[in-house]
PDB file of N, CA and C in Angstrom:
ATOM      1  N   MET A   1     -20.860 -13.704   2.771  1.00  0.00           N
ATOM      2  CA  MET A   1     -19.354 -13.841   3.016  1.00  0.00           C
ATOM      3  C   MET A   1     -19.200 -15.144   3.920  1.00  0.00           C
ATOM      4  N   ASN A   2     -18.495 -16.055   3.757  1.00  0.00           N
ATOM      5  CA  ASN A   2     -17.952 -17.265   4.381  1.00  0.00           C
ATOM      6  C   ASN A   2     -17.314 -16.848   5.829  1.00  0.00           C
ATOM      7  N   HIS A   3     -18.188 -16.879   6.817  1.00  0.00           N
ATOM      8  CA  HIS A   3     -17.593 -16.555   8.326  1.00  0.00           C
ATOM      9  C   HIS A   3     -16.432 -17.555   8.867  1.00  0.00           C
ATOM     10  N   ARG A   4     -16.093 -18.484   8.148  1.00  0.00           N
ATOM     11  CA  ARG A   4     -15.115 -19.260   8.368  1.00  0.00           C
ATOM     12  C   ARG A   4     -13.713 -18.781   8.113  1.00  0.00           C
ATOM     13  N   ILE A   5     -13.908 -17.945   6.866  1.00  0.00           N
ATOM     14  CA  ILE A   5     -12.565 -17.705   6.303  1.00  0.00           C
ATOM     15  C   ILE A   5     -12.393 -15.924   6.586  1.00  0.00           C
ATOM     16  N   LEU A   6     -13.382 -15.480   7.240  1.00  0.00           N
ATOM     17  CA  LEU A   6     -13.197 -13.993   7.473  1.00  0.00           C
ATOM     18  C   LEU A   6     -12.107 -13.569   8.160  1.00  0.00           C
ATOM     19  N   PHE A   7     -11.724 -14.196   9.059  1.00  0.00           N
ATOM     20  CA  PHE A   7     -10.475 -13.797   9.959  1.00  0.00           C
ATOM     21  C   PHE A   7      -9.512 -14.645   9.979  1.00  0.00           C
ATOM     22  N   SER A   8      -9.429 -15.496   8.921  1.00  0.00           N
ATOM     23  CA  SER A   8      -8.205 -16.351   8.627  1.00  0.00           C
ATOM     24  C   SER A   8      -7.113 -15.830   7.665  1.00  0.00           C
ATOM     25  N   ASP A   9      -6.178 -16.030   8.212  1.00  0.00           N
ATOM     26  CA  ASP A   9      -4.968 -15.181   7.318  1.00  0.00           C
ATOM     27  C   ASP A   9      -4.988 -13.913   6.994  1.00  0.00           C
ATOM     28  N   LEU A  10      -5.428 -12.927   7.945  1.00  0.00           N
ATOM     29  CA  LEU A  10      -5.462 -11.691   7.825  1.00  0.00           C
ATOM     30  C   LEU A  10      -3.836 -10.983   8.283  1.00  0.00           C
ATOM     31  N   ARG A  11      -3.737 -10.051   7.460  1.00  0.00           N
ATOM     32  CA  ARG A  11      -2.435  -9.118   7.637  1.00  0.00           C
ATOM     33  C   ARG A  11      -2.644  -7.775   8.060  1.00  0.00           C
ATOM     34  N   TYR A  12      -1.981  -7.366   8.964  1.00  0.00           N
ATOM     35  CA  TYR A  12      -2.154  -5.745   9.528  1.00  0.00           C
ATOM     36  C   TYR A  12      -1.709  -4.875   8.588  1.00  0.00           C
ATOM     37  N   ARG A  13      -2.537  -3.899   8.079  1.00  0.00           N
ATOM     38  CA  ARG A  13      -2.196  -2.765   7.503  1.00  0.00           C
ATOM     39  C   ARG A  13      -1.707  -1.505   7.515  1.00  0.00           C
ATOM     40  N   GLY A  14      -2.452  -1.115   8.867  1.00  0.00           N
ATOM     41  CA  GLY A  14      -2.320   0.150   9.209  1.00  0.00           C
ATOM     42  C   GLY A  14      -3.276   0.469  10.441  1.00  0.00           C
ATOM     43  N   LEU A  15      -3.063   1.828  10.705  1.00  0.00           N
ATOM     44  CA  LEU A  15      -3.902   2.419  11.759  1.00  0.00           C
ATOM     45  C   LEU A  15      -4.323   3.796  11.220  1.00  0.00           C
ATOM     46  N   VAL A  16      -5.813   3.990  11.365  1.00  0.00           N
ATOM     47  CA  VAL A  16      -6.273   5.177  11.240  1.00  0.00           C
ATOM     48  C   VAL A  16      -6.958   5.656  12.368  1.00  0.00           C
ATOM     49  N   LYS A  17      -6.445   7.141  12.523  1.00  0.00           N
ATOM     50  CA  LYS A  17      -6.939   7.923  13.873  1.00  0.00           C
ATOM     51  C   LYS A  17      -8.207   9.145  13.289  1.00  0.00           C
ATOM     52  N   SER A  18      -9.590   8.517  13.666  1.00  0.00           N
ATOM     53  CA  SER A  18     -10.616   9.335  12.897  1.00  0.00           C
ATOM     54  C   SER A  18     -10.652  10.522  14.205  1.00  0.00           C
ATOM     55  N   VAL A  19     -12.006  11.003  14.025  1.00  0.00           N
ATOM     56  CA  VAL A  19     -12.336  12.399  15.128  1.00  0.00           C
ATOM     57  C   VAL A  19     -12.544  11.515  16.574  1.00  0.00           C
ATOM     58  N   ARG A  20     -13.301  10.478  16.371  1.00  0.00           N
ATOM     59  CA  ARG A  20     -13.465   9.653  17.879  1.00  0.00           C
ATOM     60  C   ARG A  20     -12.911   8.598  18.202  1.00  0.00           C
ATOM     61  N   ARG A  21     -12.502   7.779  17.051  1.00  0.00           N
ATOM     62  CA  ARG A  21     -12.089   6.731  17.189  1.00  0.00           C
ATOM     63  C   ARG A  21     -10.921   6.174  16.476  1.00  0.00           C
ATOM     64  N   GLU A  22     -10.138   5.143  16.874  1.00  0.00           N
ATOM     65  CA  GLU A  22      -9.187   4.589  16.178  1.00  0.00           C
ATOM     66  C   GLU A  22      -9.575   3.146  15.346  1.00  0.00           C
ATOM     67  N   TYR A  23      -9.141   2.806  14.171  1.00  0.00           N
ATOM     68  CA  TYR A  23      -9.404   1.851  13.527  1.00  0.00           C
ATOM     69  C   TYR A  23      -8.141   1.025  12.901  1.00  0.00           C
ATOM     70  N   HIS A  24      -8.162  -0.229  13.207  1.00  0.00           N
ATOM     71  CA  HIS A  24      -7.006  -0.764  12.726  1.00  0.00           C
ATOM     72  C   HIS A  24      -7.510  -1.731  11.754  1.00  0.00           C
ATOM     73  N   VAL A  25      -6.730  -1.799  10.491  1.00  0.00           N
ATOM     74  CA  VAL A  25      -7.073  -2.049   9.018  1.00  0.00           C
ATOM     75  C   VAL A  25      -6.230  -3.348   8.962  1.00  0.00           C
ATOM     76  N   LEU A  26      -7.205  -4.687   8.794  1.00  0.00           N
ATOM     77  CA  LEU A  26      -6.639  -5.892   8.606  1.00  0.00           C
ATOM     78  C   LEU A  26      -7.001  -6.284   7.029  1.00  0.00           C
ATOM     79  N   GLU A  27      -5.997  -6.919   6.393  1.00  0.00           N
ATOM     80  CA  GLU A  27      -6.463  -7.265   5.031  1.00  0.00           C
ATOM     81  C   GLU A  27      -6.536  -8.933   4.897  1.00  0.00           C
ATOM     82  N   GLY A  28      -7.578  -9.340   4.169  1.00  0.00           N
ATOM     83  CA  GLY A  28      -7.945 -10.796   3.974  1.00  0.00           C
ATOM     84  C   GLY A  28      -7.749 -10.764   2.402  1.00  0.00           C
ATOM     85  N   SER A  29      -7.964 -12.088   2.041  1.00  0.00           N
ATOM     86  CA  SER A  29      -7.903 -12.400   0.732  1.00  0.00           C
ATOM     87  C   SER A  29      -8.871 -11.647  -0.305  1.00  0.00           C
ATOM     88  N   GLN A  30      -9.941 -11.264   0.180  1.00  0.00           N
ATOM     89  CA  GLN A  30     -11.036 -10.434  -0.739  1.00  0.00           C
ATOM     90  C   GLN A  30     -11.476  -9.287   0.107  1.00  0.00           C
ATOM     91  N   HIS A  31     -11.230  -9.080   1.139  1.00  0.00           N
ATOM     92  CA  HIS A  31     -11.789  -8.109   1.995  1.00  0.00           C
ATOM     93  C   HIS A  31     -10.773  -7.468   2.944  1.00  0.00           C
ATOM     94  N   TYR A  32     -11.109  -6.216   3.453  1.00  0.00           N
ATOM     95  CA  TYR A  32     -10.488  -5.665   4.551  1.00  0.00           C
ATOM     96  C   TYR A  32     -11.362  -5.654   5.862  1.00  0.00           C
ATOM     97  N   VAL A  33     -10.783  -5.704   6.999  1.00  0.00           N
ATOM     98  CA  VAL A  33     -11.513  -5.770   8.175  1.00  0.00           C
ATOM     99  C   VAL A  33     -11.080  -4.581   9.167  1.00  0.00           C
ATOM    100  N   LEU A  34     -11.969  -3.813   9.446  1.00  0.00           N
ATOM    101  CA  LEU A  34     -11.614  -2.479  10.189  1.00  0.00           C
ATOM    102  C   LEU A  34     -12.080  -2.693  11.626  1.00  0.00           C
ATOM    103  N   VAL A  35     -11.207  -2.679  12.411  1.00  0.00           N
ATOM    104  CA  VAL A  35     -11.474  -3.283  13.836  1.00  0.00           C
ATOM    105  C   VAL A  35     -11.336  -1.854  14.781  1.00  0.00           C
ATOM    106  N   SER A  36     -12.359  -1.591  15.672  1.00  0.00           N
ATOM    107  CA  SER A  36     -12.180  -0.261  16.594  1.00  0.00           C
ATOM    108  C   SER A  36     -12.157  -0.915  17.848  1.00  0.00           C
ATOM    109  N   PRO A  37     -11.263  -1.030  18.539  1.00  0.00           N
ATOM    110  CA  PRO A  37     -11.509  -1.070  20.077  1.00  0.00           C
ATOM    111  C   PRO A  37     -12.487  -0.607  20.876  1.00  0.00           C
ATOM    112  N   GLY A  38     -13.046  -1.150  21.686  1.00  0.00           N
ATOM    113  CA  GLY A  38     -14.066  -0.683  22.441  1.00  0.00           C
ATOM    114  C   GLY A  38     -13.213  -0.072  24.042  1.00  0.00           C
ATOM    115  N   GLN A  39     -13.969   0.298  24.788  1.00  0.00           N
ATOM    116  CA  GLN A  39     -13.430   1.028  26.120  1.00  0.00           C
ATOM    117  C   GLN A  39     -13.059  -0.404  26.992  1.00  0.00           C
ATOM    118  N   GLN A  40     -13.701  -1.416  27.130  1.00  0.00           N
ATOM    119  CA  GLN A  40     -13.174  -2.562  27.921  1.00  0.00           C
ATOM    120  C   GLN A  40     -12.734  -3.405  26.991  1.00  0.00           C
ATOM    121  N   SER A  41     -12.637  -4.699  26.930  1.00  0.00           N
ATOM    122  CA  SER A  41     -12.214  -5.567  26.297  1.00  0.00           C
ATOM    123  C   SER A  41     -12.843  -5.915  24.962  1.00  0.00           C
ATOM    124  N   GLY A  42     -13.914  -5.461  24.664  1.00  0.00           N
ATOM    125  CA  GLY A  42     -14.586  -5.803  23.490  1.00  0.00           C
ATOM    126  C   GLY A  42     -14.311  -4.642  22.497  1.00  0.00           C
ATOM    127  N   GLY A  43     -15.163  -4.667  21.188  1.00  0.00           N
ATOM    128  CA  GLY A  43     -14.980  -3.807  20.091  1.00  0.00           C
ATOM    129  C   GLY A  43     -15.849  -3.983  18.985  1.00  0.00           C
ATOM    130  N   ASN A  44     -15.887  -3.527  17.888  1.00  0.00           N
ATOM    131  CA  ASN A  44     -16.683  -3.588  16.681  1.00  0.00           C
ATOM    132  C   ASN A  44     -15.725  -3.801  15.474  1.00  0.00           C
ATOM    133  N   TYR A  45     -16.113  -4.687  14.683  1.00  0.00           N
ATOM    134  CA  TYR A  45     -15.384  -4.615  13.193  1.00  0.00           C
ATOM    135  C   TYR A  45     -16.420  -4.388  12.321  1.00  0.00           C
ATOM    136  N   THR A  46     -15.901  -3.981  11.126  1.00  0.00           N
ATOM    137  CA  THR A  46     -16.496  -3.820   9.933  1.00  0.00           C
ATOM    138  C   THR A  46     -15.893  -4.416   8.665  1.00  0.00           C
ATOM    139  N   ILE A  47     -16.682  -5.020   7.911  1.00  0.00           N
ATOM    140  CA  ILE A  47     -15.866  -5.718   6.542  1.00  0.00           C
ATOM    141  C   ILE A  47     -16.181  -4.719   5.328  1.00  0.00           C
ATOM    142  N   VAL A  48     -14.943  -4.664   4.852  1.00  0.00           N
ATOM    143  CA  VAL A  48     -15.058  -3.944   3.353  1.00  0.00           C
ATOM    144  C   VAL A  48     -14.646  -4.517   2.260  1.00  0.00           C
ATOM    145  N   LEU A  49     -15.526  -4.976   1.239  1.00  0.00           N
ATOM    146  CA  LEU A  49     -14.731  -5.906   0.152  1.00  0.00           C
ATOM    147  C   LEU A  49     -13.622  -4.890  -0.844  1.00  0.00           C
ATOM    148  N   LYS A  50     -12.799  -5.736  -1.067  1.00  0.00           N
ATOM    149  CA  LYS A  50     -11.675  -5.017  -1.971  1.00  0.00           C
ATOM    150  C   LYS A  50     -12.208  -4.628  -3.472  1.00  0.00           C
ATOM    151  N   ARG A  51     -13.428  -5.381  -3.936  1.00  0.00           N
ATOM    152  CA  ARG A  51     -14.108  -4.655  -5.004  1.00  0.00           C
ATOM    153  C   ARG A  51     -14.773  -3.304  -4.919  1.00  0.00           C
ATOM    154  N   ALA A  52     -15.292  -3.110  -3.555  1.00  0.00           N
ATOM    155  CA  ALA A  52     -15.853  -1.858  -3.128  1.00  0.00           C
ATOM    156  C   ALA A  52     -14.859  -0.943  -3.133  1.00  0.00           C
ATOM    157  N   LEU A  53     -13.476  -1.009  -2.562  1.00  0.00           N
ATOM    158  CA  LEU A  53     -12.549   0.117  -2.581  1.00  0.00           C
ATOM    159  C   LEU A  53     -12.093   0.418  -4.078  1.00  0.00           C
ATOM    160  N   ASP A  54     -12.009  -1.039  -5.053  1.00  0.00           N
ATOM    161  CA  ASP A  54     -11.552  -0.524  -6.352  1.00  0.00           C
ATOM    162  C   ASP A  54     -12.639   0.317  -6.980  1.00  0.00           C
ATOM    163  N   TYR A  55     -14.042  -0.019  -6.793  1.00  0.00           N
ATOM    164  CA  TYR A  55     -14.901   0.939  -7.373  1.00  0.00           C
ATOM    165  C   TYR A  55     -14.840   2.187  -6.900  1.00  0.00           C
ATOM    166  N   LEU A  56     -14.426   2.511  -5.422  1.00  0.00           N
ATOM    167  CA  LEU A  56     -14.377   3.811  -5.155  1.00  0.00           C
ATOM    168  C   LEU A  56     -13.358   4.532  -5.609  1.00  0.00           C
ATOM    169  N   MET A  57     -12.019   3.832  -5.702  1.00  0.00           N
ATOM    170  CA  MET A  57     -10.971   4.293  -6.343  1.00  0.00           C
ATOM    171  C   MET A  57     -11.167   4.965  -7.900  1.00  0.00           C
ATOM    172  N   ARG A  58     -11.858   3.998  -8.528  1.00  0.00           N
ATOM    173  CA  ARG A  58     -12.182   4.215  -9.916  1.00  0.00           C
ATOM    174  C   ARG A  58     -13.071   5.748  -9.997  1.00  0.00           C
ATOM    175  N   ARG A  59     -13.940   5.788  -9.036  1.00  0.00           N
ATOM    176  CA  ARG A  59     -14.992   7.025  -9.124  1.00  0.00           C
ATOM    177  C   ARG A  59     -14.194   8.067  -8.685  1.00  0.00           C
ATOM    178  N   LEU A  60     -13.299   8.069  -7.446  1.00  0.00           N
ATOM    179  CA  LEU A  60     -12.794   9.225  -6.906  1.00  0.00           C
ATOM    180  C   LEU A  60     -11.266   9.457  -6.768  1.00  0.00           C
ATOM    181  N   GLY A  61     -10.510   8.320  -7.605  1.00  0.00           N
ATOM    182  CA  GLY A  61      -9.008   8.326  -7.473  1.00  0.00           C
ATOM    183  C   GLY A  61      -8.608   9.915  -8.038  1.00  0.00           C
ATOM    184  N   GLY A  62      -7.699  10.657  -7.369  1.00  0.00           N
ATOM    185  CA  GLY A  62      -7.111  11.704  -7.625  1.00  0.00           C
ATOM    186  C   GLY A  62      -7.795  13.038  -7.076  1.00  0.00           C
ATOM    187  N   ARG A  63      -8.846  12.726  -6.283  1.00  0.00           N
ATOM    188  CA  ARG A  63      -9.563  13.986  -6.100  1.00  0.00           C
ATOM    189  C   ARG A  63      -9.134  14.199  -4.552  1.00  0.00           C
ATOM    190  N   ARG A  64      -9.145  15.282  -4.309  1.00  0.00           N
ATOM    191  CA  ARG A  64      -8.763  16.001  -2.903  1.00  0.00           C
ATOM    192  C   ARG A  64     -10.103  16.606  -2.163  1.00  0.00           C
ATOM    193  N   SER A  65      -9.920  16.873  -0.905  1.00  0.00           N
ATOM    194  CA  SER A  65     -10.810  17.206   0.137  1.00  0.00           C
ATOM    195  C   SER A  65     -12.217  16.644  -0.161  1.00  0.00           C
ATOM    196  N   VAL A  66     -12.302  15.298  -0.331  1.00  0.00           N
ATOM    197  CA  VAL A  66     -13.643  14.410  -0.451  1.00  0.00           C
ATOM    198  C   VAL A  66     -14.154  14.076   0.812  1.00  0.00           C
ATOM    199  N   THR A  67     -15.224  14.553   1.122  1.00  0.00           N
ATOM    200  CA  THR A  67     -15.931  13.838   2.411  1.00  0.00           C
ATOM    201  C   THR A  67     -17.063  12.761   2.101  1.00  0.00           C
ATOM    202  N   SER A  68     -17.269  12.165   3.139  1.00  0.00           N
ATOM    203  CA  SER A  68     -18.110  11.002   3.219  1.00  0.00           C
ATOM    204  C   SER A  68     -19.349  11.246   2.437  1.00  0.00           C
ATOM    205  N   ALA A  69     -19.975  12.512   2.435  1.00  0.00           N
ATOM    206  CA  ALA A  69     -21.171  12.734   1.771  1.00  0.00           C
ATOM    207  C   ALA A  69     -21.069  13.090   0.247  1.00  0.00           C
ATOM    208  N   THR A  70     -19.938  13.643  -0.132  1.00  0.00           N
ATOM    209  CA  THR A  70     -19.507  13.838  -1.359  1.00  0.00           C
ATOM    210  C   THR A  70     -19.047  12.255  -2.064  1.00  0.00           C
ATOM    211  N   ALA A  71     -18.692  11.649  -1.253  1.00  0.00           N
ATOM    212  CA  ALA A  71     -18.135  10.282  -1.892  1.00  0.00           C
ATOM    213  C   ALA A  71     -19.500   9.355  -2.003  1.00  0.00           C
ATOM    214  N   PHE A  72     -20.222   9.546  -1.089  1.00  0.00           N
ATOM    215  CA  PHE A  72     -21.429   8.695  -1.204  1.00  0.00           C
ATOM    216  C   PHE A  72     -22.442   9.373  -2.267  1.00  0.00           C
ATOM    217  N   ALA A  73     -22.397  10.667  -2.791  1.00  0.00           N
ATOM    218  CA  ALA A  73     -23.392  11.178  -3.914  1.00  0.00           C
ATOM    219  C   ALA A  73     -22.599  10.392  -5.088  1.00  0.00           C
ATOM    220  N   ALA A  74     -21.315  10.491  -5.305  1.00  0.00           N
ATOM    221  CA  ALA A  74     -20.668   9.824  -6.569  1.00  0.00           C
ATOM    222  C   ALA A  74     -20.802   8.384  -6.388  1.00  0.00           C
ATOM    223  N   CYS A  75     -21.230   7.520  -5.394  1.00  0.00           N
ATOM    224  CA  CYS A  75     -21.452   6.247  -5.345  1.00  0.00           C
ATOM    225  C   CYS A  75     -22.629   5.755  -5.024  1.00  0.00           C
ATOM    226  N   ARG A  76     -23.314   6.653  -5.203  1.00  0.00           N
ATOM    227  CA  ARG A  76     -24.936   6.175  -4.423  1.00  0.00           C
ATOM    228  C   ARG A  76     -25.750   5.172  -5.168  1.00  0.00           C
ATOM    229  N   ARG A  77     -25.194   4.890  -6.674  1.00  0.00           N
ATOM    230  CA  ARG A  77     -26.105   3.838  -7.441  1.00  0.00           C
ATOM    231  C   ARG A  77     -25.324   2.558  -7.180  1.00  0.00           C
ATOM    232  N   SER A  78     -24.319   2.592  -6.706  1.00  0.00           N
ATOM    233  CA  SER A  78     -23.346   1.303  -6.196  1.00  0.00           C
ATOM    234  C   SER A  78     -24.136   0.248  -5.447  1.00  0.00           C
ATOM    235  N   LYS A  79     -23.470  -0.956  -5.734  1.00  0.00           N
ATOM    236  CA  LYS A  79     -24.332  -2.185  -4.934  1.00  0.00           C
ATOM    237  C   LYS A  79     -23.523  -2.316  -3.631  1.00  0.00           C
ATOM    238  N   TYR A  80     -22.202  -1.526  -3.504  1.00  0.00           N
ATOM    239  CA  TYR A  80     -21.410  -1.716  -2.563  1.00  0.00           C
ATOM    240  C   TYR A  80     -21.654  -0.698  -1.357  1.00  0.00           C
ATOM    241  N   PHE A  81     -22.339   0.379  -1.621  1.00  0.00           N
ATOM    242  CA  PHE A  81     -22.301   1.425  -0.511  1.00  0.00           C
ATOM    243  C   PHE A  81     -23.958   1.787  -0.369  1.00  0.00           C
ATOM    244  N   GLN A  82     -24.485   1.093   0.824  1.00  0.00           N
ATOM    245  CA  GLN A  82     -26.053   1.440   0.770  1.00  0.00           C
ATOM    246  C   GLN A  82     -26.215   2.856   1.673  1.00  0.00           C
ATOM    247  N   ASN A  83     -25.045   3.547   2.261  1.00  0.00           N
ATOM    248  CA  ASN A  83     -25.210   4.182   3.057  1.00  0.00           C
ATOM    249  C   ASN A  83     -23.909   5.188   3.272  1.00  0.00           C
ATOM    250  N   ARG A  84     -24.101   6.218   4.006  1.00  0.00           N
ATOM    251  CA  ARG A  84     -22.731   7.273   3.993  1.00  0.00           C
ATOM    252  C   ARG A  84     -21.817   6.389   4.988  1.00  0.00           C
ATOM    253  N   PHE A  85     -22.215   5.795   5.858  1.00  0.00           N
ATOM    254  CA  PHE A  85     -21.427   5.026   6.819  1.00  0.00           C
ATOM    255  C   PHE A  85     -20.531   3.843   6.087  1.00  0.00           C
ATOM    256  N   ALA A  86     -21.092   3.328   5.091  1.00  0.00           N
ATOM    257  CA  ALA A  86     -20.352   2.389   4.344  1.00  0.00           C
ATOM    258  C   ALA A  86     -19.341   2.837   3.442  1.00  0.00           C
ATOM    259  N   VAL A  87     -19.581   4.207   3.125  1.00  0.00           N
ATOM    260  CA  VAL A  87     -18.618   4.813   2.303  1.00  0.00           C
ATOM    261  C   VAL A  87     -17.465   5.197   3.230  1.00  0.00           C
ATOM    262  N   LEU A  88     -18.089   5.952   4.370  1.00  0.00           N
ATOM    263  CA  LEU A  88     -16.867   6.484   5.543  1.00  0.00           C
ATOM    264  C   LEU A  88     -16.003   5.116   5.837  1.00  0.00           C
ATOM    265  N   ASN A  89     -16.500   3.929   6.038  1.00  0.00           N
ATOM    266  CA  ASN A  89     -15.581   2.879   6.277  1.00  0.00           C
ATOM    267  C   ASN A  89     -14.656   2.444   5.088  1.00  0.00           C
ATOM    268  N   ALA A  90     -15.089   2.634   3.886  1.00  0.00           N
ATOM    269  CA  ALA A  90     -14.247   2.278   2.819  1.00  0.00           C
ATOM    270  C   ALA A  90     -13.114   3.390   2.680  1.00  0.00           C
ATOM    271  N   LEU A  91     -13.530   4.600   3.174  1.00  0.00           N
ATOM    272  CA  LEU A  91     -12.516   5.587   3.036  1.00  0.00           C
ATOM    273  C   LEU A  91     -11.507   5.373   4.132  1.00  0.00           C
ATOM    274  N   TYR A  92     -11.812   4.840   5.400  1.00  0.00           N
ATOM    275  CA  TYR A  92     -10.801   4.666   6.464  1.00  0.00           C
ATOM    276  C   TYR A  92     -10.083   3.366   5.967  1.00  0.00           C
ATOM    277  N   ALA A  93     -10.513   2.532   5.458  1.00  0.00           N
ATOM    278  CA  ALA A  93      -9.972   1.269   4.539  1.00  0.00           C
ATOM    279  C   ALA A  93      -8.967   1.952   3.800  1.00  0.00           C
ATOM    280  N   LEU A  94      -9.106   2.829   2.768  1.00  0.00           N
ATOM    281  CA  LEU A  94      -8.246   3.484   1.968  1.00  0.00           C
ATOM    282  C   LEU A  94      -6.880   4.215   2.738  1.00  0.00           C
ATOM    283  N   VAL A  95      -7.499   4.677   3.997  1.00  0.00           N
ATOM    284  CA  VAL A  95      -6.414   5.492   4.630  1.00  0.00           C
ATOM    285  C   VAL A  95      -5.366   4.269   5.149  1.00  0.00           C
ATOM    286  N   GLY A  96      -6.260   3.361   5.621  1.00  0.00           N
ATOM    287  CA  GLY A  96      -5.299   2.356   6.571  1.00  0.00           C
ATOM    288  C   GLY A  96      -4.246   1.513   5.320  1.00  0.00           C
ATOM    289  N   ILE A  97      -4.528   1.490   4.329  1.00  0.00           N
ATOM    290  CA  ILE A  97      -3.749   0.509   3.286  1.00  0.00           C
ATOM    291  C   ILE A  97      -2.832   1.725   2.462  1.00  0.00           C
ATOM    292  N   GLY A  98      -3.004   2.945   2.702  1.00  0.00           N
ATOM    293  CA  GLY A  98      -1.902   4.160   2.192  1.00  0.00           C
ATOM    294  C   GLY A  98      -2.753   4.400   0.736  1.00  0.00           C
ATOM    295  N   ALA A  99      -3.571   4.368   0.435  1.00  0.00           N
ATOM    296  CA  ALA A  99      -4.439   4.761  -1.007  1.00  0.00           C
ATOM    297  C   ALA A  99      -5.187   6.371  -0.738  1.00  0.00           C
ATOM    298  N   ALA A 100      -5.165   6.707   0.587  1.00  0.00           N
ATOM    299  CA  ALA A 100      -5.934   7.940   0.690  1.00  0.00           C
ATOM    300  C   ALA A 100      -5.361   8.379   2.266  1.00  0.00           C
ATOM    301  N   GLN A 101      -5.425   9.621   2.372  1.00  0.00           N
ATOM    302  CA  GLN A 101      -4.932  10.415   3.662  1.00  0.00           C
ATOM    303  C   GLN A 101      -5.962  11.251   4.100  1.00  0.00           C
ATOM    304  N   ILE A 102      -6.074  11.187   5.541  1.00  0.00           N
ATOM    305  CA  ILE A 102      -6.952  12.461   5.882  1.00  0.00           C
ATOM    306  C   ILE A 102      -6.173  13.657   6.082  1.00  0.00           C
ATOM    307  N   SER A 103      -6.893  14.596   5.028  1.00  0.00           N
ATOM    308  CA  SER A 103      -6.273  15.881   4.778  1.00  0.00           C
ATOM    309  C   SER A 103      -6.453  16.980   5.871  1.00  0.00           C
ATOM    310  N   LYS A 104      -7.621  16.900   6.727  1.00  0.00           N
ATOM    311  CA  LYS A 104      -8.135  17.960   7.301  1.00  0.00           C
ATOM    312  C   LYS A 104      -9.228  17.344   8.123  1.00  0.00           C
ATOM    313  N   MET A 105      -9.696  18.075   9.314  1.00  0.00           N
ATOM    314  CA  MET A 105     -10.810  18.063  10.272  1.00  0.00           C
ATOM    315  C   MET A 105     -11.176  19.036  10.542  1.00  0.00           C
ATOM    316  N   VAL A 106     -12.574  19.399   9.884  1.00  0.00           N
ATOM    317  CA  VAL A 106     -13.550  20.586  10.528  1.00  0.00           C
ATOM    318  C   VAL A 106     -14.690  20.318  11.182  1.00  0.00           C
ATOM    319  N   GLY A 107     -14.299  20.374  12.641  1.00  0.00           N
ATOM    320  CA  GLY A 107     -15.491  19.614  13.445  1.00  0.00           C
ATOM    321  C   GLY A 107     -15.560  18.403  13.292  1.00  0.00           C
ATOM    322  N   PRO A 108     -16.611  17.735  13.137  1.00  0.00           N
ATOM    323  CA  PRO A 108     -16.764  16.442  12.948  1.00  0.00           C
ATOM    324  C   PRO A 108     -16.541  15.907  11.463  1.00  0.00           C
ATOM    325  N   THR A 109     -16.313  16.778  10.559  1.00  0.00           N
ATOM    326  CA  THR A 109     -16.272  16.329   9.210  1.00  0.00           C
ATOM    327  C   THR A 109     -14.564  16.043   9.007  1.00  0.00           C
ATOM    328  N   LEU A 110     -14.503  14.873   8.247  1.00  0.00           N
ATOM    329  CA  LEU A 110     -13.121  14.483   7.590  1.00  0.00           C
ATOM    330  C   LEU A 110     -13.256  14.809   6.144  1.00  0.00           C
ATOM    331  N   PHE A 111     -12.184  15.487   5.882  1.00  0.00           N
ATOM    332  CA  PHE A 111     -11.624  15.570   4.734  1.00  0.00           C
ATOM    333  C   PHE A 111     -10.536  14.438   3.796  1.00  0.00           C
ATOM    334  N   PHE A 112     -10.809  13.829   3.024  1.00  0.00           N
ATOM    335  CA  PHE A 112      -9.783  12.847   2.575  1.00  0.00           C
ATOM    336  C   PHE A 112      -9.323  13.308   1.066  1.00  0.00           C
ATOM    337  N   ASP A 113      -7.885  13.005   0.994  1.00  0.00           N
ATOM    338  CA  ASP A 113      -7.153  13.010  -0.364  1.00  0.00           C
ATOM    339  C   ASP A 113      -7.017  11.638  -0.887  1.00  0.00           C
ATOM    340  N   ILE A 114      -7.550  11.470  -1.724  1.00  0.00           N
ATOM    341  CA  ILE A 114      -7.549   9.906  -2.441  1.00  0.00           C
ATOM    342  C   ILE A 114      -6.608   9.891  -3.779  1.00  0.00           C
ATOM    343  N   ARG A 115      -5.678   8.969  -3.390  1.00  0.00           N
ATOM    344  CA  ARG A 115      -4.501   8.815  -4.605  1.00  0.00           C
ATOM    345  C   ARG A 115      -5.269   8.336  -5.828  1.00  0.00           C
ATOM    346  N   LYS A 116      -4.540   8.443  -7.017  1.00  0.00           N
ATOM    347  CA  LYS A 116      -4.981   8.098  -8.297  1.00  0.00           C
ATOM    348  C   LYS A 116      -5.104   6.701  -8.674  1.00  0.00           C
ATOM    349  N   HIS A 117      -6.154   6.084  -9.029  1.00  0.00           N
ATOM    350  CA  HIS A 117      -6.215   4.617  -9.255  1.00  0.00           C
ATOM    351  C   HIS A 117      -5.182   4.213 -10.202  1.00  0.00           C
ATOM    352  N   ALA A 118      -4.633   3.259  -9.792  1.00  0.00           N
ATOM    353  CA  ALA A 118      -3.523   2.564 -10.571  1.00  0.00           C
ATOM    354  C   ALA A 118      -3.935   1.695 -12.060  1.00  0.00           C
ATOM    355  N   GLY A 119      -5.252   1.247 -11.775  1.00  0.00           N
ATOM    356  CA  GLY A 119      -5.734   0.465 -12.892  1.00  0.00           C
ATOM    357  C   GLY A 119      -6.535   1.030 -13.687  1.00  0.00           C
TER     358      GLY A 119
END
């Protein structure tokens, strides 16, 4: 990914409240940026490609109570998701853009309801 355009022309899409952190979702031309502010003035960011979200929506769109483990099992042969945390970040991005919602939290486990894929 070209880092010159990574943060240019970003549009704020939403806030996701997780068990331990909050994520701000920003939309670029070909990707989403998940920003989680840190304790001080720092923080972390993660890039999720729009193609990865399209793939996830095609595989799991319309399903309810999806965990990151079940989503990773459904997408494990994909080039987009190398581990469960990559899938979890994609699920957070879906929540931030309104294509999914966190339906419940049981301990540290989040359950997502994913809307049906339109395409």
